[in-house]
PDB file of N, CA and C in Angstrom:
ATOM      1  N   MET A   1      11.441  -0.257   4.115  1.00  0.00           N
ATOM      2  CA  MET A   1      11.252  -1.767   3.888  1.00  0.00           C
ATOM      3  C   MET A   1       9.718  -2.055   3.839  1.00  0.00           C
ATOM      4  N   MET A   2       8.617  -1.788   4.710  1.00  0.00           N
ATOM      5  CA  MET A   2       7.237  -1.887   4.348  1.00  0.00           C
ATOM      6  C   MET A   2       6.708  -1.430   3.217  1.00  0.00           C
ATOM      7  N   ILE A   3       7.417  -0.282   2.659  1.00  0.00           N
ATOM      8  CA  ILE A   3       6.889   0.477   1.660  1.00  0.00           C
ATOM      9  C   ILE A   3       7.022  -0.347   0.321  1.00  0.00           C
ATOM     10  N   MET A   4       8.144  -0.961   0.148  1.00  0.00           N
ATOM     11  CA  MET A   4       8.583  -1.711  -1.018  1.00  0.00           C
ATOM     12  C   MET A   4       7.656  -3.299  -0.831  1.00  0.00           C
ATOM     13  N   VAL A   5       7.478  -3.752   0.215  1.00  0.00           N
ATOM     14  CA  VAL A   5       6.527  -4.839   0.583  1.00  0.00           C
ATOM     15  C   VAL A   5       5.186  -4.625   0.186  1.00  0.00           C
ATOM     16  N   PHE A   6       4.647  -3.435   0.583  1.00  0.00           N
ATOM     17  CA  PHE A   6       3.126  -3.076   0.079  1.00  0.00           C
ATOM     18  C   PHE A   6       3.202  -2.788  -1.387  1.00  0.00           C
ATOM     19  N   LEU A   7       4.095  -2.053  -2.109  1.00  0.00           N
ATOM     20  CA  LEU A   7       4.027  -1.791  -3.227  1.00  0.00           C
ATOM     21  C   LEU A   7       4.014  -2.987  -4.154  1.00  0.00           C
ATOM     22  N   LEU A   8       4.900  -3.900  -3.755  1.00  0.00           N
ATOM     23  CA  LEU A   8       5.018  -5.551  -4.561  1.00  0.00           C
ATOM     24  C   LEU A   8       3.812  -6.128  -4.318  1.00  0.00           C
ATOM     25  N   SER A   9       3.287  -5.933  -3.406  1.00  0.00           N
ATOM     26  CA  SER A   9       1.859  -6.515  -2.974  1.00  0.00           C
ATOM     27  C   SER A   9       0.570  -6.037  -3.890  1.00  0.00           C
ATOM     28  N   GLY A  10       1.015  -4.811  -3.969  1.00  0.00           N
ATOM     29  CA  GLY A  10       0.106  -4.090  -5.109  1.00  0.00           C
ATOM     30  C   GLY A  10       0.379  -4.480  -6.492  1.00  0.00           C
ATOM     31  N   TRP A  11       1.577  -4.646  -6.787  1.00  0.00           N
ATOM     32  CA  TRP A  11       1.760  -5.272  -7.981  1.00  0.00           C
ATOM     33  C   TRP A  11       1.340  -6.361  -8.241  1.00  0.00           C
ATOM     34  N   ILE A  12       1.551  -7.490  -7.606  1.00  0.00           N
ATOM     35  CA  ILE A  12       1.246  -8.761  -7.385  1.00  0.00           C
ATOM     36  C   ILE A  12      -0.391  -8.962  -7.446  1.00  0.00           C
ATOM     37  N   LEU A  13      -1.000  -8.355  -6.767  1.00  0.00           N
ATOM     38  CA  LEU A  13      -2.722  -8.317  -6.635  1.00  0.00           C
ATOM     39  C   LEU A  13      -3.231  -8.056  -8.014  1.00  0.00           C
ATOM     40  N   SER A  14      -2.238  -6.912  -8.806  1.00  0.00           N
ATOM     41  CA  SER A  14      -2.856  -6.359 -10.027  1.00  0.00           C
ATOM     42  C   SER A  14      -2.987  -7.409 -11.076  1.00  0.00           C
ATOM     43  N   TRP A  15      -2.092  -8.609 -10.984  1.00  0.00           N
ATOM     44  CA  TRP A  15      -1.966  -9.433 -11.790  1.00  0.00           C
ATOM     45  C   TRP A  15      -3.540 -10.328 -11.596  1.00  0.00           C
ATOM     46  N   PHE A  16      -4.191 -10.040 -10.335  1.00  0.00           N
ATOM     47  CA  PHE A  16      -5.498 -11.191 -10.431  1.00  0.00           C
ATOM     48  C   PHE A  16      -6.755  -9.754 -10.634  1.00  0.00           C
ATOM     49  N   LYS A  17      -6.268  -8.908 -11.277  1.00  0.00           N
ATOM     50  CA  LYS A  17      -7.514  -7.641 -11.254  1.00  0.00           C
ATOM     51  C   LYS A  17      -8.040  -7.281  -9.928  1.00  0.00           C
ATOM     52  N   PHE A  18      -7.174  -7.225  -9.080  1.00  0.00           N
ATOM     53  CA  PHE A  18      -7.691  -6.623  -7.786  1.00  0.00           C
ATOM     54  C   PHE A  18      -7.576  -5.187  -7.975  1.00  0.00           C
ATOM     55  N   ASP A  19      -6.480  -4.774  -8.574  1.00  0.00           N
ATOM     56  CA  ASP A  19      -7.091  -3.195  -8.904  1.00  0.00           C
ATOM     57  C   ASP A  19      -8.048  -2.596  -9.587  1.00  0.00           C
ATOM     58  N   ARG A  20      -8.512  -3.418 -10.405  1.00  0.00           N
ATOM     59  CA  ARG A  20      -9.942  -2.871 -10.894  1.00  0.00           C
ATOM     60  C   ARG A  20     -11.113  -3.147 -10.173  1.00  0.00           C
ATOM     61  N   LEU A  21     -10.819  -4.183  -9.059  1.00  0.00           N
ATOM     62  CA  LEU A  21     -12.018  -4.300  -7.850  1.00  0.00           C
ATOM     63  C   LEU A  21     -11.566  -3.242  -7.009  1.00  0.00           C
ATOM     64  N   PHE A  22     -10.649  -3.015  -6.760  1.00  0.00           N
ATOM     65  CA  PHE A  22     -10.400  -1.660  -5.573  1.00  0.00           C
ATOM     66  C   PHE A  22     -10.874  -0.141  -6.128  1.00  0.00           C
ATOM     67  N   ILE A  23     -10.501   0.153  -7.430  1.00  0.00           N
ATOM     68  CA  ILE A  23     -10.966   1.334  -8.004  1.00  0.00           C
ATOM     69  C   ILE A  23     -12.613   1.323  -7.944  1.00  0.00           C
ATOM     70  N   GLN A  24     -13.018   0.192  -8.432  1.00  0.00           N
ATOM     71  CA  GLN A  24     -14.852   0.301  -8.586  1.00  0.00           C
ATOM     72  C   GLN A  24     -15.258   0.224  -7.180  1.00  0.00           C
ATOM     73  N   ALA A  25     -14.392  -0.294  -6.267  1.00  0.00           N
ATOM     74  CA  ALA A  25     -14.963  -0.195  -4.699  1.00  0.00           C
ATOM     75  C   ALA A  25     -14.840   1.144  -4.235  1.00  0.00           C
ATOM     76  N   PHE A  26     -13.791   1.718  -4.356  1.00  0.00           N
ATOM     77  CA  PHE A  26     -13.506   3.102  -4.114  1.00  0.00           C
ATOM     78  C   PHE A  26     -14.654   4.041  -4.642  1.00  0.00           C
ATOM     79  N   LYS A  27     -14.758   3.821  -6.026  1.00  0.00           N
ATOM     80  CA  LYS A  27     -15.752   4.731  -6.614  1.00  0.00           C
ATOM     81  C   LYS A  27     -17.357   4.539  -6.199  1.00  0.00           C
ATOM     82  N   GLU A  28     -17.698   3.353  -5.903  1.00  0.00           N
ATOM     83  CA  GLU A  28     -18.990   3.097  -5.395  1.00  0.00           C
ATOM     84  C   GLU A  28     -18.738   3.546  -3.767  1.00  0.00           C
ATOM     85  N   LEU A  29     -17.929   3.538  -3.158  1.00  0.00           N
ATOM     86  CA  LEU A  29     -18.186   4.095  -1.667  1.00  0.00           C
ATOM     87  C   LEU A  29     -17.939   5.562  -1.595  1.00  0.00           C
ATOM     88  N   PHE A  30     -17.021   6.146  -2.363  1.00  0.00           N
ATOM     89  CA  PHE A  30     -16.834   7.543  -1.992  1.00  0.00           C
ATOM     90  C   PHE A  30     -17.261   8.463  -3.088  1.00  0.00           C
ATOM     91  N   ASN A  31     -17.825   7.944  -4.187  1.00  0.00           N
ATOM     92  CA  ASN A  31     -18.186   8.862  -5.398  1.00  0.00           C
ATOM     93  C   ASN A  31     -16.923   9.466  -5.961  1.00  0.00           C
ATOM     94  N   LYS A  32     -15.968   8.850  -5.842  1.00  0.00           N
ATOM     95  CA  LYS A  32     -14.496   9.637  -6.634  1.00  0.00           C
ATOM     96  C   LYS A  32     -13.991   8.645  -7.653  1.00  0.00           C
ATOM     97  N   GLU A  33     -13.674   9.200  -8.616  1.00  0.00           N
ATOM     98  CA  GLU A  33     -12.824   8.354  -9.650  1.00  0.00           C
ATOM     99  C   GLU A  33     -11.546   8.335  -9.103  1.00  0.00           C
ATOM    100  N   ILE A  34     -10.821   7.286  -9.340  1.00  0.00           N
ATOM    101  CA  ILE A  34      -9.230   7.159  -9.030  1.00  0.00           C
ATOM    102  C   ILE A  34      -8.715   6.467 -10.146  1.00  0.00           C
ATOM    103  N   THR A  35      -7.631   6.637 -10.249  1.00  0.00           N
ATOM    104  CA  THR A  35      -6.855   6.013 -11.419  1.00  0.00           C
ATOM    105  C   THR A  35      -5.831   5.221 -10.704  1.00  0.00           C
ATOM    106  N   ILE A  36      -5.020   4.132 -11.567  1.00  0.00           N
ATOM    107  CA  ILE A  36      -4.267   3.140 -11.323  1.00  0.00           C
ATOM    108  C   ILE A  36      -2.948   4.034 -10.528  1.00  0.00           C
ATOM    109  N   ALA A  37      -2.602   4.828 -10.650  1.00  0.00           N
ATOM    110  CA  ALA A  37      -1.446   5.664 -10.103  1.00  0.00           C
ATOM    111  C   ALA A  37      -2.147   5.840  -8.742  1.00  0.00           C
ATOM    112  N   SER A  38      -3.067   6.301  -8.469  1.00  0.00           N
ATOM    113  CA  SER A  38      -3.988   6.297  -7.170  1.00  0.00           C
ATOM    114  C   SER A  38      -3.805   5.155  -6.180  1.00  0.00           C
ATOM    115  N   TYR A  39      -4.191   3.854  -7.099  1.00  0.00           N
ATOM    116  CA  TYR A  39      -4.123   2.688  -6.673  1.00  0.00           C
ATOM    117  C   TYR A  39      -2.657   2.385  -5.855  1.00  0.00           C
ATOM    118  N   TYR A  40      -1.715   2.609  -6.660  1.00  0.00           N
ATOM    119  CA  TYR A  40      -0.225   2.321  -6.098  1.00  0.00           C
ATOM    120  C   TYR A  40      -0.144   3.447  -5.053  1.00  0.00           C
ATOM    121  N   PHE A  41      -0.239   4.528  -5.263  1.00  0.00           N
ATOM    122  CA  PHE A  41      -0.132   5.733  -4.164  1.00  0.00           C
ATOM    123  C   PHE A  41      -0.731   5.273  -2.692  1.00  0.00           C
ATOM    124  N   ILE A  42      -1.725   4.539  -2.602  1.00  0.00           N
ATOM    125  CA  ILE A  42      -2.605   4.214  -1.556  1.00  0.00           C
ATOM    126  C   ILE A  42      -1.751   2.932  -0.743  1.00  0.00           C
ATOM    127  N   PHE A  43      -1.328   2.105  -1.507  1.00  0.00           N
ATOM    128  CA  PHE A  43      -0.330   1.026  -1.269  1.00  0.00           C
ATOM    129  C   PHE A  43       0.878   1.695  -0.658  1.00  0.00           C
ATOM    130  N   PHE A  44       1.475   2.591  -1.296  1.00  0.00           N
ATOM    131  CA  PHE A  44       2.794   3.384  -0.669  1.00  0.00           C
ATOM    132  C   PHE A  44       2.522   4.165   0.440  1.00  0.00           C
ATOM    133  N   CYS A  45       1.188   4.681   0.545  1.00  0.00           N
ATOM    134  CA  CYS A  45       0.733   5.461   2.018  1.00  0.00           C
ATOM    135  C   CYS A  45       0.688   4.456   2.955  1.00  0.00           C
ATOM    136  N   VAL A  46       0.202   3.461   2.645  1.00  0.00           N
ATOM    137  CA  VAL A  46      -0.048   2.259   3.946  1.00  0.00           C
ATOM    138  C   VAL A  46       1.415   1.716   4.067  1.00  0.00           C
ATOM    139  N   GLY A  47       2.238   1.615   2.963  1.00  0.00           N
ATOM    140  CA  GLY A  47       3.609   0.954   3.689  1.00  0.00           C
ATOM    141  C   GLY A  47       4.373   2.125   4.314  1.00  0.00           C
ATOM    142  N   THR A  48       3.980   3.328   4.118  1.00  0.00           N
ATOM    143  CA  THR A  48       4.963   4.479   4.766  1.00  0.00           C
ATOM    144  C   THR A  48       4.254   4.651   6.352  1.00  0.00           C
ATOM    145  N   ILE A  49       2.895   4.234   6.324  1.00  0.00           N
ATOM    146  CA  ILE A  49       2.611   4.452   7.574  1.00  0.00           C
ATOM    147  C   ILE A  49       3.101   3.209   8.676  1.00  0.00           C
ATOM    148  N   GLY A  50       3.085   2.000   7.868  1.00  0.00           N
ATOM    149  CA  GLY A  50       3.683   0.929   8.584  1.00  0.00           C
ATOM    150  C   GLY A  50       5.303   1.116   8.923  1.00  0.00           C
ATOM    151  N   ASP A  51       6.056   1.705   8.019  1.00  0.00           N
ATOM    152  CA  ASP A  51       7.405   1.732   8.305  1.00  0.00           C
ATOM    153  C   ASP A  51       7.415   2.856   9.589  1.00  0.00           C
ATOM    154  N   LEU A  52       6.656   4.115   9.647  1.00  0.00           N
ATOM    155  CA  LEU A  52       6.606   4.891  10.654  1.00  0.00           C
ATOM    156  C   LEU A  52       6.436   4.410  12.018  1.00  0.00           C
ATOM    157  N   VAL A  53       5.270   3.483  11.966  1.00  0.00           N
ATOM    158  CA  VAL A  53       5.079   2.667  13.257  1.00  0.00           C
ATOM    159  C   VAL A  53       6.163   1.998  13.656  1.00  0.00           C
ATOM    160  N   LEU A  54       6.745   1.133  12.888  1.00  0.00           N
ATOM    161  CA  LEU A  54       7.921   0.562  13.342  1.00  0.00           C
ATOM    162  C   LEU A  54       9.135   1.214  13.839  1.00  0.00           C
ATOM    163  N   PHE A  55       9.543   2.440  13.081  1.00  0.00           N
ATOM    164  CA  PHE A  55      10.429   3.202  13.708  1.00  0.00           C
ATOM    165  C   PHE A  55       9.951   3.884  14.974  1.00  0.00           C
ATOM    166  N   PHE A  56       9.101   4.315  15.193  1.00  0.00           N
ATOM    167  CA  PHE A  56       8.420   4.940  16.361  1.00  0.00           C
ATOM    168  C   PHE A  56       8.333   3.981  17.684  1.00  0.00           C
ATOM    169  N   ASN A  57       8.299   2.901  17.135  1.00  0.00           N
ATOM    170  CA  ASN A  57       8.119   1.423  18.048  1.00  0.00           C
ATOM    171  C   ASN A  57       9.360   1.109  18.393  1.00  0.00           C
ATOM    172  N   GLY A  58      10.408   1.722  17.815  1.00  0.00           N
ATOM    173  CA  GLY A  58      12.066   1.000  17.858  1.00  0.00           C
ATOM    174  C   GLY A  58      12.156  -0.324  17.139  1.00  0.00           C
ATOM    175  N   GLU A  59      11.248  -0.814  16.672  1.00  0.00           N
ATOM    176  CA  GLU A  59      11.496  -2.182  16.087  1.00  0.00           C
ATOM    177  C   GLU A  59      12.016  -2.129  14.646  1.00  0.00           C
ATOM    178  N   TYR A  60      12.518  -0.878  13.966  1.00  0.00           N
ATOM    179  CA  TYR A  60      12.745  -0.719  12.555  1.00  0.00           C
ATOM    180  C   TYR A  60      14.347  -0.957  12.815  1.00  0.00           C
ATOM    181  N   ILE A  61      15.124  -0.187  13.658  1.00  0.00           N
ATOM    182  CA  ILE A  61      16.664  -0.758  13.934  1.00  0.00           C
ATOM    183  C   ILE A  61      16.837  -2.189  13.936  1.00  0.00           C
ATOM    184  N   ASN A  62      15.942  -3.019  14.741  1.00  0.00           N
ATOM    185  CA  ASN A  62      16.269  -4.022  15.022  1.00  0.00           C
ATOM    186  C   ASN A  62      15.906  -4.995  13.819  1.00  0.00           C
ATOM    187  N   ARG A  63      14.806  -4.395  12.880  1.00  0.00           N
ATOM    188  CA  ARG A  63      14.700  -5.267  11.839  1.00  0.00           C
ATOM    189  C   ARG A  63      15.654  -5.155  10.799  1.00  0.00           C
ATOM    190  N   LEU A  64      16.444  -3.976  10.958  1.00  0.00           N
ATOM    191  CA  LEU A  64      17.519  -3.775   9.709  1.00  0.00           C
ATOM    192  C   LEU A  64      18.637  -4.727   9.968  1.00  0.00           C
ATOM    193  N   PHE A  65      18.976  -4.760  11.481  1.00  0.00           N
ATOM    194  CA  PHE A  65      20.258  -5.532  11.586  1.00  0.00           C
ATOM    195  C   PHE A  65      20.120  -6.716  12.158  1.00  0.00           C
ATOM    196  N   SER A  66      18.895  -7.422  12.208  1.00  0.00           N
ATOM    197  CA  SER A  66      18.782  -8.822  12.226  1.00  0.00           C
ATOM    198  C   SER A  66      18.994  -9.662  11.235  1.00  0.00           C
TER     199      SER A  66
END
């Protein structure tokens, strides 16, 4: 569920040109060129980590059935 929330957040933020800001900041900080696909992949990874944290804390099942 968190994966979808973070992907949706990334998509909504892209309406306000946050994706361009993020890509430029990443380039300046790490000297690496990334694309819009990488932008969404980062949101996917953060959402996956969030889901794993909820799963291992036992809160994931409670949220599904609440």
